[in-house]
């Protein structure tokens, strides 16, 4: 099962890297943007970064490589309480 949704062009202007492979250009979401999009799409609101890692089965050493600092900035573009809640979880480290 899949859905096709029209995306507001304003929501494609941040958190996206342009990469070139074999002469072809691709747009790829930064990890924090991809995680935010995923949880928004699933309408899930994790409480901590640890819950995010557990849900997505991200290893601790890989979690440390993710730059979580842009989560609030990216969430602000969505103008959504859920996006802000997810960004708050991304900012909340699990002891």
Protein backbone atom coordinates (compact mmCIF):
# COMPACT_ATOMS: atom_id res chain seq x y z
CA UNK A 1 0.00 0.00 0.00
CA UNK A 2 1.30 3.45 -0.85
CA UNK A 3 0.04 6.99 -1.15
CA UNK A 4 0.91 9.76 -3.53
CA UNK A 5 0.70 13.19 -1.96
CA UNK A 6 1.24 16.60 -3.41
CA UNK A 7 3.92 18.39 -1.42
CA UNK A 8 3.97 22.12 -0.89
CA UNK A 9 7.09 23.37 -2.75
CA UNK A 10 8.01 25.47 0.31
CA UNK A 11 8.53 22.22 2.22
CA UNK A 12 11.14 20.99 -0.24
CA UNK A 13 13.48 23.96 0.15
CA UNK A 14 15.16 22.96 3.43
CA UNK A 15 16.94 19.92 4.80
CA UNK A 16 17.61 18.61 1.31
CA UNK A 17 21.07 17.95 -0.11
CA UNK A 18 21.78 17.92 -3.83
CA UNK A 19 24.16 15.11 -4.75
CA UNK A 20 25.62 14.01 -8.05
CA UNK A 21 26.35 10.39 -8.89
CA UNK A 22 27.58 9.27 -12.30
CA UNK A 23 26.54 12.57 -13.85
CA UNK A 24 23.01 12.43 -12.47
CA UNK A 25 21.66 14.86 -9.88
CA UNK A 26 19.54 13.71 -6.95
CA UNK A 27 17.90 15.44 -4.02
CA UNK A 28 18.27 13.59 -0.75
CA UNK A 29 16.92 14.53 2.66
CA UNK A 30 19.38 15.09 5.49
CA UNK A 31 18.94 12.46 8.24
CA UNK A 32 17.04 14.77 10.63
CA UNK A 33 14.71 15.90 7.86
CA UNK A 34 14.06 12.29 6.78
CA UNK A 35 13.30 11.26 10.37
CA UNK A 36 10.98 14.23 10.86
CA UNK A 37 9.15 13.44 7.61
CA UNK A 38 8.78 9.78 8.59
CA UNK A 39 7.29 10.45 12.01
CA UNK A 40 5.00 13.15 10.58
CA UNK A 41 3.79 10.71 7.94
CA UNK A 42 3.14 8.03 10.55
CA UNK A 43 1.57 10.60 12.89
CA UNK A 44 3.77 9.33 15.75
CA UNK A 45 5.09 11.53 18.52
CA UNK A 46 8.13 10.02 20.24
CA UNK A 47 9.17 11.52 23.57
CA UNK A 48 12.96 11.16 23.37
CA UNK A 49 15.75 10.75 20.88
CA UNK A 50 16.26 7.27 22.32
CA UNK A 51 12.71 6.29 21.36
CA UNK A 52 13.38 7.53 17.83
CA UNK A 53 16.54 5.42 17.60
CA UNK A 54 14.79 2.36 19.02
CA UNK A 55 11.80 2.69 16.68
CA UNK A 56 14.07 3.05 13.64
CA UNK A 57 16.65 0.57 14.98
CA UNK A 58 19.48 3.06 14.66
CA UNK A 59 22.66 1.93 16.43
CA UNK A 60 24.00 4.22 19.19
CA UNK A 61 27.18 5.04 17.27
CA UNK A 62 25.09 6.04 14.24
CA UNK A 63 22.77 8.15 16.43
CA UNK A 64 25.84 10.10 17.54
CA UNK A 65 26.71 10.92 13.91
CA UNK A 66 23.37 12.64 13.27
CA UNK A 67 23.32 16.43 13.60
CA UNK A 68 20.13 16.88 15.63
CA UNK A 69 20.59 20.65 15.97
CA UNK A 70 18.41 21.58 12.97
CA UNK A 71 15.30 19.70 14.11
CA UNK A 72 13.52 22.75 15.58
CA UNK A 73 14.34 24.88 12.56
CA UNK A 74 12.99 22.26 10.16
CA UNK A 75 9.89 21.66 12.30
CA UNK A 76 9.07 25.37 12.29
CA UNK A 77 8.51 25.23 8.50
CA UNK A 78 5.64 22.76 8.96
CA UNK A 79 3.67 25.01 11.33
CA UNK A 80 2.46 21.86 13.09
CA UNK A 81 2.21 20.91 16.75
CA UNK A 82 3.18 17.35 15.84
CA UNK A 83 6.32 18.55 14.00
CA UNK A 84 7.29 20.65 17.02
CA UNK A 85 6.70 17.69 19.34
CA UNK A 86 8.92 15.44 17.19
CA UNK A 87 11.64 18.13 17.13
CA UNK A 88 11.45 18.34 20.92
CA UNK A 89 12.00 14.57 21.11
CA UNK A 90 14.98 14.90 18.79
CA UNK A 91 16.46 17.48 21.18
CA UNK A 92 15.84 15.28 24.25
CA UNK A 93 18.75 12.96 24.87
CA UNK A 94 18.07 9.76 26.75
CA UNK A 95 20.36 9.44 29.79
